[in-house]
Amino acid sequence: MANYVETQRFHCSNAAGRNYTVIEQMRAPRFSASPRVDYVTEDGEVAERLDEGSFLLLMSNEVIRVT
């Protein structure tokens, strides 16, 4: 079982102007020394960080930008 700790929130929008909040979560596995960072929107969509200014929503294959 992993423990999640919210570390940061990013306010983003897509090309059409829809707003998203992406939550950065630090996941600390029980038996590993290295933490892992996961990203999810407030709506529960899984995201991947592309660079400092953008994320990819994995289910819709949509790029959103930090505003």
Protein backbone atom coordinates (compact mmCIF):
# COMPACT_ATOMS: atom_id res chain seq x y z
CA MET A 1 0.00 0.00 0.00
CA ALA A 2 1.34 3.44 -0.91
CA ASN A 3 0.83 6.71 0.92
CA TYR A 4 0.02 9.81 -1.11
CA VAL A 5 0.83 13.37 -0.06
CA GLU A 6 -0.37 16.34 -2.09
CA THR A 7 2.64 18.51 -2.85
CA GLN A 8 1.41 21.11 -5.34
CA ARG A 9 -1.55 22.28 -7.47
CA PHE A 10 -1.36 23.70 -10.99
CA HIS A 11 -4.10 25.81 -12.58
CA CYS A 12 -4.28 24.89 -16.26
CA SER A 13 -6.47 25.37 -19.33
CA ASN A 14 -6.89 23.69 -22.69
CA ALA A 15 -7.00 25.32 -26.13
CA ALA A 16 -10.78 25.78 -25.87
CA GLY A 17 -10.44 27.65 -22.55
CA ARG A 18 -11.69 24.93 -20.18
CA ASN A 19 -10.01 25.22 -16.78
CA TYR A 20 -8.39 22.31 -14.94
CA THR A 21 -6.61 21.91 -11.64
CA VAL A 22 -3.81 19.34 -11.74
CA ILE A 23 -2.75 17.91 -8.39
CA GLU A 24 0.80 16.71 -7.89
CA GLN A 25 0.98 13.80 -5.45
CA MET A 26 4.13 12.32 -3.94
CA ARG A 27 3.80 8.58 -3.54
CA ALA A 28 6.09 6.92 -1.02
CA PRO A 29 6.10 3.13 -1.38
CA ARG A 30 6.58 1.14 1.78
CA PHE A 31 9.62 -0.85 0.65
CA SER A 32 11.40 1.58 -1.66
CA ALA A 33 13.66 4.49 -0.83
CA SER A 34 12.72 6.55 -3.89
CA PRO A 35 9.43 8.47 -3.95
CA ARG A 36 7.32 8.75 -7.10
CA VAL A 37 5.31 11.72 -8.35
CA ASP A 38 1.85 11.23 -9.89
CA TYR A 39 -0.47 13.83 -11.43
CA VAL A 40 -4.28 13.78 -11.44
CA THR A 41 -6.93 16.41 -12.10
CA GLU A 42 -9.61 17.32 -9.57
CA ASP A 43 -12.02 15.37 -11.82
CA GLY A 44 -9.93 12.21 -11.46
CA GLU A 45 -8.25 12.23 -14.87
CA VAL A 46 -4.69 10.92 -14.87
CA ALA A 47 -2.12 13.33 -16.30
CA GLU A 48 1.52 13.15 -17.31
CA ARG A 49 3.84 16.11 -17.03
CA LEU A 50 5.37 16.96 -20.40
CA ASP A 51 7.49 19.93 -19.30
CA GLU A 52 7.34 22.82 -16.82
CA GLY A 53 4.37 24.41 -18.58
CA SER A 54 2.20 21.57 -19.85
CA PHE A 55 0.49 18.27 -19.01
CA LEU A 56 -1.01 15.50 -21.13
CA LEU A 57 -4.40 14.13 -20.06
CA LEU A 58 -3.96 10.43 -20.75
CA MET A 59 -7.58 9.38 -21.35
CA SER A 60 -8.39 12.16 -23.84
CA ASN A 61 -4.85 12.62 -25.23
CA GLU A 62 -5.28 16.38 -24.70
CA VAL A 63 -2.49 18.79 -23.84
CA ILE A 64 -3.27 21.42 -21.20
CA ARG A 65 -1.08 24.36 -20.28
CA VAL A 66 -0.29 25.91 -16.91
CA THR A 67 -1.86 29.36 -16.68
